[in-house]
Amino acid sequence: MLVLSRHRDESIMIGDDVVVTIVDIRGDKVRLGIEAPQSIPVHRQEVYDAIQRENRRASQMGPGATKDVGGPTDD
């Protein structure tokens, strides 16, 4: 892990396309601004973990485990 020190309004570049800027520092919390292309997903760690769990769960479902939503009915 690379550890860097930055002050408010200073930035870190990740590659050529991602800029992380220190927006605010209050006590033990740091607010970050992240500029990245739309093709690069940016999530908080807990959200990323939840997405990964849901993707694993969905990939383990067998055929027919989900219904067609909004599809034709035989009524």
Protein backbone atom coordinates (compact mmCIF):
# COMPACT_ATOMS: atom_id res chain seq x y z
CA MET A 1 0.00 0.00 0.00
CA LEU A 2 1.24 3.42 -0.93
CA VAL A 3 0.61 6.01 1.80
CA LEU A 4 0.68 9.69 0.82
CA SER A 5 0.17 12.88 2.78
CA ARG A 6 -1.98 15.60 1.23
CA HIS A 7 -3.52 18.84 2.45
CA ARG A 8 -6.98 20.17 1.65
CA ASP A 9 -7.40 20.98 -2.07
CA GLU A 10 -4.39 18.86 -3.04
CA SER A 11 -4.80 15.93 -5.42
CA ILE A 12 -3.42 12.51 -6.26
CA MET A 13 -3.34 11.15 -9.82
CA ILE A 14 -4.08 7.48 -10.48
CA GLY A 15 -2.95 6.71 -14.00
CA ASP A 16 -3.86 9.37 -16.54
CA ASP A 17 -7.62 9.38 -15.93
CA VAL A 18 -8.37 9.37 -12.19
CA VAL A 19 -7.90 12.36 -9.89
CA VAL A 20 -8.50 12.09 -6.14
CA THR A 21 -8.74 15.46 -4.38
CA ILE A 22 -8.88 16.13 -0.63
CA VAL A 23 -12.05 18.22 -0.35
CA ASP A 24 -12.34 18.62 3.42
CA ILE A 25 -10.82 17.37 6.68
CA ARG A 26 -12.90 17.39 9.86
CA GLY A 27 -11.56 15.60 12.90
CA ASP A 28 -10.99 11.98 11.93
CA LYS A 29 -12.95 12.22 8.64
CA VAL A 30 -11.57 13.12 5.24
CA ARG A 31 -13.87 13.99 2.32
CA LEU A 32 -12.54 12.96 -1.06
CA GLY A 33 -13.54 14.13 -4.50
CA ILE A 34 -12.94 11.57 -7.25
CA GLU A 35 -12.89 12.41 -10.95
CA ALA A 36 -12.88 9.31 -13.14
CA PRO A 37 -14.23 8.33 -16.55
CA GLN A 38 -17.75 6.88 -16.45
CA SER A 39 -16.29 3.57 -17.62
CA ILE A 40 -14.48 3.20 -14.27
CA PRO A 41 -16.87 2.31 -11.44
CA VAL A 42 -16.17 4.09 -8.14
CA HIS A 43 -17.78 2.72 -4.96
CA ARG A 44 -17.25 2.83 -1.23
CA GLN A 45 -15.71 -0.47 -0.07
CA GLU A 46 -18.89 -1.67 1.68
CA VAL A 47 -20.97 -1.00 -1.44
CA TYR A 48 -18.42 -2.79 -3.64
CA ASP A 49 -18.45 -5.79 -1.29
CA ALA A 50 -22.27 -5.93 -1.39
CA ILE A 51 -22.25 -5.81 -5.20
CA GLN A 52 -19.72 -8.65 -5.32
CA ARG A 53 -21.77 -10.78 -2.90
CA GLU A 54 -24.93 -10.20 -4.96
CA ASN A 55 -23.11 -11.04 -8.20
CA ARG A 56 -21.79 -14.30 -6.69
CA ARG A 57 -25.26 -15.18 -5.39
CA ALA A 58 -26.87 -14.48 -8.76
CA SER A 59 -24.27 -16.53 -10.63
CA GLN A 60 -25.01 -19.55 -8.39
CA MET A 61 -28.74 -19.56 -9.13
CA GLY A 62 -29.90 -22.37 -11.37
CA PRO A 63 -31.92 -21.97 -14.55
CA GLY A 64 -35.50 -21.02 -13.86
CA ALA A 65 -34.62 -19.45 -10.49
CA THR A 66 -35.76 -16.05 -11.72
CA LYS A 67 -39.00 -14.99 -13.40
CA ASP A 68 -39.27 -12.96 -16.57
CA VAL A 69 -40.16 -9.53 -15.31
CA GLY A 70 -42.65 -7.71 -17.48
CA GLY A 71 -42.69 -10.49 -20.05
CA PRO A 72 -45.75 -12.00 -21.74
CA THR A 73 -48.25 -13.88 -19.61
CA ASP A 74 -50.59 -16.78 -20.41
CA ASP A 75 -53.65 -15.20 -18.82
